Amino acid sequence: MKHGYPNDRWTLVLVMQLIDRRFGVSYSIVNVRRLLNSMGIRWQLLGPLRKRR
């Protein structure tokens, strides 16, 4: 468990919430993306973990 979350998959919303909770600073999702980009942190879109039959 990382920072109280059940797995290692981070979304922009989770990062936004963590920044707000930890530092008391509110960012929009767009600004979180810009902040991460400026730090050289990239993300990838993930598909479903497993296809359902």
N, C-alpha and C. Protein backbone atom coordinates (compact mmCIF):
# COMPACT_ATOMS: atom_id res chain seq x y z
N MET A 1 0.85 -1.17 0.00
CA MET A 1 0.00 0.00 0.00
C MET A 1 0.90 1.24 0.00
N LYS A 2 0.70 2.11 -0.95
CA LYS A 2 1.49 3.32 -1.08
C LYS A 2 0.65 4.54 -0.73
N HIS A 3 1.05 5.30 0.26
CA HIS A 3 0.35 6.52 0.67
C HIS A 3 -1.13 6.27 0.94
N GLY A 4 -1.46 5.09 1.44
CA GLY A 4 -2.84 4.78 1.77
C GLY A 4 -3.68 4.26 0.63
N TYR A 5 -3.07 4.07 -0.54
CA TYR A 5 -3.81 3.55 -1.70
C TYR A 5 -3.51 2.07 -1.86
N PRO A 6 -4.47 1.29 -2.34
CA PRO A 6 -4.32 -0.17 -2.35
C PRO A 6 -3.33 -0.73 -3.37
N ASN A 7 -2.90 0.07 -4.35
CA ASN A 7 -1.97 -0.48 -5.34
C ASN A 7 -1.04 0.62 -5.84
N ASP A 8 -0.19 0.28 -6.80
CA ASP A 8 0.80 1.21 -7.32
C ASP A 8 0.33 1.96 -8.57
N ARG A 9 -0.93 1.86 -8.91
CA ARG A 9 -1.44 2.56 -10.09
C ARG A 9 -1.89 3.95 -9.68
N TRP A 10 -1.20 4.93 -10.21
CA TRP A 10 -1.51 6.32 -9.88
C TRP A 10 -2.23 6.98 -11.04
N THR A 11 -3.31 7.65 -10.73
CA THR A 11 -4.01 8.44 -11.72
C THR A 11 -3.73 9.91 -11.41
N LEU A 12 -4.06 10.78 -12.35
CA LEU A 12 -3.88 12.20 -12.10
C LEU A 12 -4.74 12.65 -10.92
N VAL A 13 -5.92 12.07 -10.79
CA VAL A 13 -6.81 12.43 -9.68
C VAL A 13 -6.17 12.04 -8.34
N LEU A 14 -5.57 10.84 -8.28
CA LEU A 14 -4.92 10.42 -7.04
C LEU A 14 -3.74 11.32 -6.70
N VAL A 15 -2.96 11.70 -7.69
CA VAL A 15 -1.82 12.60 -7.46
C VAL A 15 -2.34 13.96 -6.99
N MET A 16 -3.41 14.44 -7.61
CA MET A 16 -4.02 15.71 -7.22
C MET A 16 -4.48 15.67 -5.77
N GLN A 17 -5.11 14.58 -5.36
CA GLN A 17 -5.58 14.43 -3.98
C GLN A 17 -4.41 14.34 -3.00
N LEU A 18 -3.37 13.63 -3.38
CA LEU A 18 -2.20 13.50 -2.50
C LEU A 18 -1.52 14.84 -2.29
N ILE A 19 -1.36 15.62 -3.35
CA ILE A 19 -0.75 16.95 -3.23
C ILE A 19 -1.59 17.83 -2.31
N ASP A 20 -2.89 17.78 -2.48
CA ASP A 20 -3.78 18.59 -1.64
C ASP A 20 -3.69 18.17 -0.18
N ARG A 21 -3.73 16.87 0.07
CA ARG A 21 -3.69 16.35 1.44
C ARG A 21 -2.35 16.60 2.11
N ARG A 22 -1.28 16.38 1.36
CA ARG A 22 0.06 16.46 1.96
C ARG A 22 0.57 17.90 2.08
N PHE A 23 0.29 18.74 1.07
CA PHE A 23 0.86 20.09 1.05
C PHE A 23 -0.18 21.20 1.20
N GLY A 24 -1.47 20.84 1.16
CA GLY A 24 -2.51 21.84 1.30
C GLY A 24 -2.62 22.76 0.09
N VAL A 25 -2.21 22.25 -1.08
CA VAL A 25 -2.25 23.03 -2.32
C VAL A 25 -3.17 22.31 -3.29
N SER A 26 -4.12 23.05 -3.85
CA SER A 26 -5.07 22.47 -4.79
C SER A 26 -4.67 22.79 -6.23
N TYR A 27 -4.56 21.75 -7.03
CA TYR A 27 -4.27 21.88 -8.46
C TYR A 27 -5.39 21.25 -9.25
N SER A 28 -5.62 21.75 -10.46
CA SER A 28 -6.55 21.09 -11.37
C SER A 28 -5.82 19.89 -11.98
N ILE A 29 -6.57 19.01 -12.61
CA ILE A 29 -5.96 17.84 -13.26
C ILE A 29 -4.98 18.29 -14.35
N VAL A 30 -5.36 19.32 -15.09
CA VAL A 30 -4.48 19.82 -16.15
C VAL A 30 -3.15 20.30 -15.56
N ASN A 31 -3.22 21.01 -14.44
CA ASN A 31 -1.99 21.51 -13.83
C ASN A 31 -1.17 20.41 -13.18
N VAL A 32 -1.81 19.37 -12.68
CA VAL A 32 -1.06 18.22 -12.17
C VAL A 32 -0.29 17.57 -13.31
N ARG A 33 -0.94 17.42 -14.46
CA ARG A 33 -0.26 16.84 -15.64
C ARG A 33 0.94 17.71 -16.03
N ARG A 34 0.76 19.02 -16.04
CA ARG A 34 1.86 19.93 -16.39
C ARG A 34 2.99 19.83 -15.38
N LEU A 35 2.63 19.76 -14.10
CA LEU A 35 3.63 19.64 -13.04
C LEU A 35 4.45 18.36 -13.21
N LEU A 36 3.77 17.25 -13.44
CA LEU A 36 4.47 15.97 -13.63
C LEU A 36 5.35 16.02 -14.88
N ASN A 37 4.84 16.60 -15.95
CA ASN A 37 5.64 16.73 -17.18
C ASN A 37 6.89 17.56 -16.93
N SER A 38 6.75 18.64 -16.18
CA SER A 38 7.90 19.51 -15.90
C SER A 38 8.96 18.80 -15.07
N MET A 39 8.53 17.78 -14.32
CA MET A 39 9.45 17.00 -13.50
C MET A 39 10.00 15.80 -14.27
N GLY A 40 9.59 15.64 -15.52
CA GLY A 40 10.05 14.52 -16.33
C GLY A 40 9.33 13.22 -16.05
N ILE A 41 8.21 13.30 -15.35
CA ILE A 41 7.43 12.10 -15.03
C ILE A 41 6.38 11.91 -16.11
N ARG A 42 6.38 10.75 -16.72
CA ARG A 42 5.44 10.42 -17.78
C ARG A 42 4.47 9.35 -17.28
N TRP A 43 3.34 9.25 -17.93
CA TRP A 43 2.35 8.26 -17.57
C TRP A 43 1.99 7.47 -18.82
N GLN A 44 1.31 6.39 -18.60
CA GLN A 44 0.84 5.59 -19.73
C GLN A 44 -0.61 5.22 -19.48
N LEU A 45 -1.34 5.07 -20.54
CA LEU A 45 -2.72 4.64 -20.43
C LEU A 45 -2.72 3.13 -20.31
N LEU A 46 -3.47 2.64 -19.35
CA LEU A 46 -3.53 1.20 -19.13
C LEU A 46 -4.88 0.67 -19.59
N GLY A 47 -4.84 -0.45 -20.24
CA GLY A 47 -6.08 -1.11 -20.65
C GLY A 47 -6.58 -1.97 -19.51
N PRO A 48 -7.60 -2.75 -19.77
CA PRO A 48 -8.12 -3.63 -18.73
C PRO A 48 -7.05 -4.65 -18.32
N LEU A 49 -7.05 -5.01 -17.05
CA LEU A 49 -6.08 -5.99 -16.57
C LEU A 49 -6.27 -7.35 -17.25
N ARG A 50 -7.52 -7.69 -17.46
CA ARG A 50 -7.81 -9.00 -18.02
C ARG A 50 -9.11 -8.90 -18.80
N LYS A 51 -9.14 -9.49 -19.94
CA LYS A 51 -10.38 -9.48 -20.73
C LYS A 51 -11.40 -10.42 -20.12
N ARG A 52 -12.61 -9.96 -20.07
CA ARG A 52 -13.69 -10.82 -19.54
C ARG A 52 -14.29 -11.61 -20.69
N ARG A 53 -14.71 -12.82 -20.41
CA ARG A 53 -15.32 -13.67 -21.43
C ARG A 53 -16.80 -13.56 -21.42
